[in-house]
Amino acid sequence: MDFVSPEVGAATHAFAAFEPSISDQNGAYLLQCRIADPYVDTVKPWATSPIEADKLWKLSEKLVGQEFKY
C-alpha cells in the first residue's frame, strides 16, 4: 500500500469542504481532489452502496447514542 504525505492526504478533504463546483455532488466519493469515477478508479462497493450507507448511518447513531433525521 502506498502512502502519501499528510498534506496530500488532507488536500482532498479541504477540496471537499471548500470547492463550490461540487456543491451539488454532496456525498460523492472523492479521490485526489476530484470526484472519483467508479468505472476507472478503485471505488470500493461500500462507498457507493445506498444499503451500506444506511447500515453505516444506523451504526453511527448506535455508537453515539443519538438518532439523526435525514
PDB file of N, CA and C in Angstrom:
ATOM      1  N   MET A   1       0.847  -1.176   0.000  1.00  0.00           N
ATOM      2  CA  MET A   1       0.000   0.000   0.000  1.00  0.00           C
ATOM      3  C   MET A   1       0.894   1.242   0.000  1.00  0.00           C
ATOM      4  N   ASP A   2       0.617   2.150  -0.901  1.00  0.00           N
ATOM      5  CA  ASP A   2       1.380   3.389  -0.974  1.00  0.00           C
ATOM      6  C   ASP A   2       0.712   4.456  -0.123  1.00  0.00           C
ATOM      7  N   PHE A   3       1.517   5.191   0.604  1.00  0.00           N
ATOM      8  CA  PHE A   3       1.008   6.276   1.429  1.00  0.00           C
ATOM      9  C   PHE A   3       1.474   7.604   0.854  1.00  0.00           C
ATOM     10  N   VAL A   4       0.704   8.646   1.132  1.00  0.00           N
ATOM     11  CA  VAL A   4       1.059   9.990   0.691  1.00  0.00           C
ATOM     12  C   VAL A   4       1.366  10.833   1.919  1.00  0.00           C
ATOM     13  N   SER A   5       1.918  12.009   1.696  1.00  0.00           N
ATOM     14  CA  SER A   5       2.231  12.911   2.807  1.00  0.00           C
ATOM     15  C   SER A   5       0.940  13.394   3.460  1.00  0.00           C
ATOM     16  N   PRO A   6       1.013  13.862   4.701  1.00  0.00           N
ATOM     17  CA  PRO A   6      -0.182  14.406   5.350  1.00  0.00           C
ATOM     18  C   PRO A   6      -0.819  15.546   4.559  1.00  0.00           C
ATOM     19  N   GLU A   7       0.001  16.378   3.932  1.00  0.00           N
ATOM     20  CA  GLU A   7      -0.521  17.497   3.146  1.00  0.00           C
ATOM     21  C   GLU A   7      -1.338  17.005   1.954  1.00  0.00           C
ATOM     22  N   VAL A   8      -0.810  16.028   1.249  1.00  0.00           N
ATOM     23  CA  VAL A   8      -1.522  15.474   0.095  1.00  0.00           C
ATOM     24  C   VAL A   8      -2.777  14.742   0.567  1.00  0.00           C
ATOM     25  N   GLY A   9      -2.665  14.030   1.674  1.00  0.00           N
ATOM     26  CA  GLY A   9      -3.819  13.328   2.216  1.00  0.00           C
ATOM     27  C   GLY A   9      -4.939  14.265   2.635  1.00  0.00           C
ATOM     28  N   ALA A  10      -4.583  15.418   3.173  1.00  0.00           N
ATOM     29  CA  ALA A  10      -5.587  16.391   3.625  1.00  0.00           C
ATOM     30  C   ALA A  10      -6.165  17.207   2.478  1.00  0.00           C
ATOM     31  N   ALA A  11      -5.492  17.249   1.351  1.00  0.00           N
ATOM     32  CA  ALA A  11      -5.929  18.101   0.239  1.00  0.00           C
ATOM     33  C   ALA A  11      -7.331  17.746  -0.251  1.00  0.00           C
ATOM     34  N   THR A  12      -7.646  16.474  -0.350  1.00  0.00           N
ATOM     35  CA  THR A  12      -8.976  16.081  -0.824  1.00  0.00           C
ATOM     36  C   THR A  12     -10.051  16.495   0.170  1.00  0.00           C
ATOM     37  N   HIS A  13      -9.745  16.428   1.460  1.00  0.00           N
ATOM     38  CA  HIS A  13     -10.712  16.867   2.477  1.00  0.00           C
ATOM     39  C   HIS A  13     -10.959  18.371   2.372  1.00  0.00           C
ATOM     40  N   ALA A  14      -9.898  19.130   2.179  1.00  0.00           N
ATOM     41  CA  ALA A  14     -10.056  20.580   2.005  1.00  0.00           C
ATOM     42  C   ALA A  14     -10.838  20.877   0.723  1.00  0.00           C
ATOM     43  N   PHE A  15     -10.541  20.153  -0.329  1.00  0.00           N
ATOM     44  CA  PHE A  15     -11.271  20.302  -1.586  1.00  0.00           C
ATOM     45  C   PHE A  15     -12.759  20.040  -1.368  1.00  0.00           C
ATOM     46  N   ALA A  16     -13.084  18.964  -0.663  1.00  0.00           N
ATOM     47  CA  ALA A  16     -14.485  18.616  -0.403  1.00  0.00           C
ATOM     48  C   ALA A  16     -15.190  19.703   0.398  1.00  0.00           C
ATOM     49  N   ALA A  17     -14.477  20.312   1.319  1.00  0.00           N
ATOM     50  CA  ALA A  17     -15.090  21.307   2.198  1.00  0.00           C
ATOM     51  C   ALA A  17     -15.293  22.659   1.533  1.00  0.00           C
ATOM     52  N   PHE A  18     -14.414  23.028   0.618  1.00  0.00           N
ATOM     53  CA  PHE A  18     -14.422  24.405   0.126  1.00  0.00           C
ATOM     54  C   PHE A  18     -14.631  24.591  -1.372  1.00  0.00           C
ATOM     55  N   GLU A  19     -14.659  23.535  -2.155  1.00  0.00           N
ATOM     56  CA  GLU A  19     -14.786  23.679  -3.613  1.00  0.00           C
ATOM     57  C   GLU A  19     -16.251  23.876  -4.000  1.00  0.00           C
ATOM     58  N   PRO A  20     -16.619  25.085  -4.474  1.00  0.00           N
ATOM     59  CA  PRO A  20     -18.023  25.354  -4.794  1.00  0.00           C
ATOM     60  C   PRO A  20     -18.551  24.565  -5.996  1.00  0.00           C
ATOM     61  N   SER A  21     -17.695  24.150  -6.894  1.00  0.00           N
ATOM     62  CA  SER A  21     -18.176  23.468  -8.103  1.00  0.00           C
ATOM     63  C   SER A  21     -18.728  22.069  -7.827  1.00  0.00           C
ATOM     64  N   ILE A  22     -18.491  21.527  -6.642  1.00  0.00           N
ATOM     65  CA  ILE A  22     -19.010  20.189  -6.341  1.00  0.00           C
ATOM     66  C   ILE A  22     -20.149  20.225  -5.319  1.00  0.00           C
ATOM     67  N   SER A  23     -20.702  21.397  -5.067  1.00  0.00           N
ATOM     68  CA  SER A  23     -21.744  21.516  -4.041  1.00  0.00           C
ATOM     69  C   SER A  23     -22.984  20.679  -4.360  1.00  0.00           C
ATOM     70  N   ASP A  24     -23.240  20.412  -5.620  1.00  0.00           N
ATOM     71  CA  ASP A  24     -24.402  19.595  -5.983  1.00  0.00           C
ATOM     72  C   ASP A  24     -24.077  18.095  -5.981  1.00  0.00           C
ATOM     73  N   GLN A  25     -22.868  17.739  -5.587  1.00  0.00           N
ATOM     74  CA  GLN A  25     -22.436  16.338  -5.539  1.00  0.00           C
ATOM     75  C   GLN A  25     -22.256  15.861  -4.099  1.00  0.00           C
ATOM     76  N   ASN A  26     -23.094  16.356  -3.192  1.00  0.00           N
ATOM     77  CA  ASN A  26     -22.984  16.005  -1.782  1.00  0.00           C
ATOM     78  C   ASN A  26     -23.001  14.491  -1.601  1.00  0.00           C
ATOM     79  N   GLY A  27     -22.014  13.978  -0.909  1.00  0.00           N
ATOM     80  CA  GLY A  27     -21.930  12.543  -0.668  1.00  0.00           C
ATOM     81  C   GLY A  27     -21.113  11.779  -1.690  1.00  0.00           C
ATOM     82  N   ALA A  28     -20.597  12.460  -2.699  1.00  0.00           N
ATOM     83  CA  ALA A  28     -19.800  11.781  -3.728  1.00  0.00           C
ATOM     84  C   ALA A  28     -18.487  11.271  -3.132  1.00  0.00           C
ATOM     85  N   TYR A  29     -17.964  10.216  -3.698  1.00  0.00           N
ATOM     86  CA  TYR A  29     -16.668   9.678  -3.302  1.00  0.00           C
ATOM     87  C   TYR A  29     -15.596  10.467  -4.037  1.00  0.00           C
ATOM     88  N   LEU A  30     -14.693  11.077  -3.278  1.00  0.00           N
ATOM     89  CA  LEU A  30     -13.643  11.899  -3.872  1.00  0.00           C
ATOM     90  C   LEU A  30     -12.307  11.175  -3.811  1.00  0.00           C
ATOM     91  N   LEU A  31     -11.493  11.440  -4.805  1.00  0.00           N
ATOM     92  CA  LEU A  31     -10.172  10.843  -4.900  1.00  0.00           C
ATOM     93  C   LEU A  31      -9.242  11.854  -5.542  1.00  0.00           C
ATOM     94  N   GLN A  32      -8.165  12.192  -4.872  1.00  0.00           N
ATOM     95  CA  GLN A  32      -7.153  13.115  -5.402  1.00  0.00           C
ATOM     96  C   GLN A  32      -7.771  14.421  -5.911  1.00  0.00           C
ATOM     97  N   CYS A  33      -8.574  15.045  -5.064  1.00  0.00           N
ATOM     98  CA  CYS A  33      -9.192  16.358  -5.336  1.00  0.00           C
ATOM     99  C   CYS A  33     -10.120  16.350  -6.555  1.00  0.00           C
ATOM    100  N   ARG A  34     -10.834  15.267  -6.746  1.00  0.00           N
ATOM    101  CA  ARG A  34     -11.831  15.193  -7.812  1.00  0.00           C
ATOM    102  C   ARG A  34     -12.848  14.124  -7.441  1.00  0.00           C
ATOM    103  N   ILE A  35     -13.991  14.154  -8.117  1.00  0.00           N
ATOM    104  CA  ILE A  35     -14.991  13.121  -7.904  1.00  0.00           C
ATOM    105  C   ILE A  35     -14.516  11.851  -8.599  1.00  0.00           C
ATOM    106  N   ALA A  36     -14.460  10.768  -7.849  1.00  0.00           N
ATOM    107  CA  ALA A  36     -13.958   9.507  -8.390  1.00  0.00           C
ATOM    108  C   ALA A  36     -14.926   8.930  -9.418  1.00  0.00           C
ATOM    109  N   ASP A  37     -14.371   8.314 -10.420  1.00  0.00           N
ATOM    110  CA  ASP A  37     -15.148   7.629 -11.452  1.00  0.00           C
ATOM    111  C   ASP A  37     -15.166   6.139 -11.110  1.00  0.00           C
ATOM    112  N   PRO A  38     -16.324   5.580 -10.732  1.00  0.00           N
ATOM    113  CA  PRO A  38     -16.352   4.178 -10.311  1.00  0.00           C
ATOM    114  C   PRO A  38     -15.980   3.193 -11.413  1.00  0.00           C
ATOM    115  N   TYR A  39     -15.969   3.638 -12.669  1.00  0.00           N
ATOM    116  CA  TYR A  39     -15.599   2.746 -13.771  1.00  0.00           C
ATOM    117  C   TYR A  39     -14.099   2.759 -14.050  1.00  0.00           C
ATOM    118  N   VAL A  40     -13.408   3.757 -13.520  1.00  0.00           N
ATOM    119  CA  VAL A  40     -11.974   3.882 -13.769  1.00  0.00           C
ATOM    120  C   VAL A  40     -11.183   3.731 -12.476  1.00  0.00           C
ATOM    121  N   ASP A  41     -11.636   4.418 -11.439  1.00  0.00           N
ATOM    122  CA  ASP A  41     -10.941   4.411 -10.158  1.00  0.00           C
ATOM    123  C   ASP A  41     -11.366   3.198  -9.332  1.00  0.00           C
ATOM    124  N   THR A  42     -10.540   2.851  -8.382  1.00  0.00           N
ATOM    125  CA  THR A  42     -10.872   1.752  -7.492  1.00  0.00           C
ATOM    126  C   THR A  42     -11.767   2.284  -6.381  1.00  0.00           C
ATOM    127  N   VAL A  43     -13.054   2.259  -6.630  1.00  0.00           N
ATOM    128  CA  VAL A  43     -14.038   2.694  -5.645  1.00  0.00           C
ATOM    129  C   VAL A  43     -14.617   1.435  -5.014  1.00  0.00           C
ATOM    130  N   LYS A  44     -14.454   1.320  -3.723  1.00  0.00           N
ATOM    131  CA  LYS A  44     -14.957   0.145  -3.023  1.00  0.00           C
ATOM    132  C   LYS A  44     -16.485   0.126  -3.054  1.00  0.00           C
ATOM    133  N   PRO A  45     -17.093  -1.043  -3.120  1.00  0.00           N
ATOM    134  CA  PRO A  45     -18.555  -1.141  -3.214  1.00  0.00           C
ATOM    135  C   PRO A  45     -19.281  -0.424  -2.086  1.00  0.00           C
ATOM    136  N   TRP A  46     -18.707  -0.440  -0.884  1.00  0.00           N
ATOM    137  CA  TRP A  46     -19.388   0.211   0.235  1.00  0.00           C
ATOM    138  C   TRP A  46     -19.351   1.735   0.146  1.00  0.00           C
ATOM    139  N   ALA A  47     -18.560   2.276  -0.750  1.00  0.00           N
ATOM    140  CA  ALA A  47     -18.510   3.733  -0.914  1.00  0.00           C
ATOM    141  C   ALA A  47     -19.628   4.243  -1.811  1.00  0.00           C
ATOM    142  N   THR A  48     -20.289   3.367  -2.533  1.00  0.00           N
ATOM    143  CA  THR A  48     -21.341   3.797  -3.459  1.00  0.00           C
ATOM    144  C   THR A  48     -22.679   3.109  -3.212  1.00  0.00           C
ATOM    145  N   SER A  49     -22.744   2.232  -2.239  1.00  0.00           N
ATOM    146  CA  SER A  49     -23.958   1.455  -1.991  1.00  0.00           C
ATOM    147  C   SER A  49     -24.901   2.167  -1.028  1.00  0.00           C
ATOM    148  N   PRO A  50     -26.139   2.440  -1.450  1.00  0.00           N
ATOM    149  CA  PRO A  50     -27.107   3.047  -0.534  1.00  0.00           C
ATOM    150  C   PRO A  50     -27.427   2.137   0.657  1.00  0.00           C
ATOM    151  N   ILE A  51     -27.372   0.838   0.452  1.00  0.00           N
ATOM    152  CA  ILE A  51     -27.632  -0.102   1.545  1.00  0.00           C
ATOM    153  C   ILE A  51     -26.527  -0.004   2.593  1.00  0.00           C
ATOM    154  N   GLU A  52     -25.280   0.002   2.133  1.00  0.00           N
ATOM    155  CA  GLU A  52     -24.155   0.129   3.061  1.00  0.00           C
ATOM    156  C   GLU A  52     -24.168   1.489   3.755  1.00  0.00           C
ATOM    157  N   ALA A  53     -24.563   2.527   3.048  1.00  0.00           N
ATOM    158  CA  ALA A  53     -24.648   3.863   3.649  1.00  0.00           C
ATOM    159  C   ALA A  53     -25.668   3.870   4.777  1.00  0.00           C
ATOM    160  N   ASP A  54     -26.806   3.224   4.561  1.00  0.00           N
ATOM    161  CA  ASP A  54     -27.836   3.160   5.594  1.00  0.00           C
ATOM    162  C   ASP A  54     -27.352   2.363   6.806  1.00  0.00           C
ATOM    163  N   LYS A  55     -26.652   1.266   6.559  1.00  0.00           N
ATOM    164  CA  LYS A  55     -26.114   0.471   7.665  1.00  0.00           C
ATOM    165  C   LYS A  55     -25.101   1.277   8.470  1.00  0.00           C
ATOM    166  N   LEU A  56     -24.256   2.027   7.789  1.00  0.00           N
ATOM    167  CA  LEU A  56     -23.273   2.857   8.480  1.00  0.00           C
ATOM    168  C   LEU A  56     -23.957   3.947   9.292  1.00  0.00           C
ATOM    169  N   TRP A  57     -24.998   4.556   8.720  1.00  0.00           N
ATOM    170  CA  TRP A  57     -25.747   5.606   9.419  1.00  0.00           C
ATOM    171  C   TRP A  57     -26.328   5.053  10.721  1.00  0.00           C
ATOM    172  N   LYS A  58     -26.959   3.886  10.640  1.00  0.00           N
ATOM    173  CA  LYS A  58     -27.569   3.273  11.827  1.00  0.00           C
ATOM    174  C   LYS A  58     -26.520   2.898  12.867  1.00  0.00           C
ATOM    175  N   LEU A  59     -25.387   2.375  12.423  1.00  0.00           N
ATOM    176  CA  LEU A  59     -24.310   2.046  13.349  1.00  0.00           C
ATOM    177  C   LEU A  59     -23.781   3.307  14.025  1.00  0.00           C
ATOM    178  N   SER A  60     -23.617   4.373  13.264  1.00  0.00           N
ATOM    179  CA  SER A  60     -23.131   5.636  13.824  1.00  0.00           C
ATOM    180  C   SER A  60     -24.080   6.151  14.899  1.00  0.00           C
ATOM    181  N   GLU A  61     -25.385   6.082  14.630  1.00  0.00           N
ATOM    182  CA  GLU A  61     -26.376   6.511  15.620  1.00  0.00           C
ATOM    183  C   GLU A  61     -26.272   5.665  16.889  1.00  0.00           C
ATOM    184  N   LYS A  62     -26.101   4.373  16.708  1.00  0.00           N
ATOM    185  CA  LYS A  62     -25.987   3.474  17.857  1.00  0.00           C
ATOM    186  C   LYS A  62     -24.738   3.800  18.676  1.00  0.00           C
ATOM    187  N   LEU A  63     -23.621   4.026  17.999  1.00  0.00           N
ATOM    188  CA  LEU A  63     -22.362   4.286  18.696  1.00  0.00           C
ATOM    189  C   LEU A  63     -22.370   5.598  19.473  1.00  0.00           C
ATOM    190  N   VAL A  64     -23.045   6.614  18.942  1.00  0.00           N
ATOM    191  CA  VAL A  64     -23.078   7.908  19.643  1.00  0.00           C
ATOM    192  C   VAL A  64     -24.301   8.044  20.537  1.00  0.00           C
ATOM    193  N   GLY A  65     -25.226   7.088  20.467  1.00  0.00           N
ATOM    194  CA  GLY A  65     -26.405   7.122  21.309  1.00  0.00           C
ATOM    195  C   GLY A  65     -27.371   8.238  20.980  1.00  0.00           C
ATOM    196  N   GLN A  66     -27.441   8.591  19.717  1.00  0.00           N
ATOM    197  CA  GLN A  66     -28.330   9.673  19.290  1.00  0.00           C
ATOM    198  C   GLN A  66     -28.888   9.339  17.910  1.00  0.00           C
ATOM    199  N   GLU A  67     -30.158   9.704  17.694  1.00  0.00           N
ATOM    200  CA  GLU A  67     -30.781   9.474  16.395  1.00  0.00           C
ATOM    201  C   GLU A  67     -30.792  10.774  15.601  1.00  0.00           C
ATOM    202  N   PHE A  68     -30.386  10.687  14.354  1.00  0.00           N
ATOM    203  CA  PHE A  68     -30.338  11.851  13.473  1.00  0.00           C
ATOM    204  C   PHE A  68     -31.328  11.663  12.333  1.00  0.00           C
ATOM    205  N   LYS A  69     -32.067  12.681  12.024  1.00  0.00           N
ATOM    206  CA  LYS A  69     -33.019  12.628  10.910  1.00  0.00           C
ATOM    207  C   LYS A  69     -32.339  13.138   9.645  1.00  0.00           C
ATOM    208  N   TYR A  70     -32.592  12.488   8.542  1.00  0.00           N
ATOM    209  CA  TYR A  70     -32.051  12.918   7.254  1.00  0.00           C
ATOM    210  C   TYR A  70     -33.047  12.694   6.174  1.00  0.00           C
TER     211      TYR A  70
END
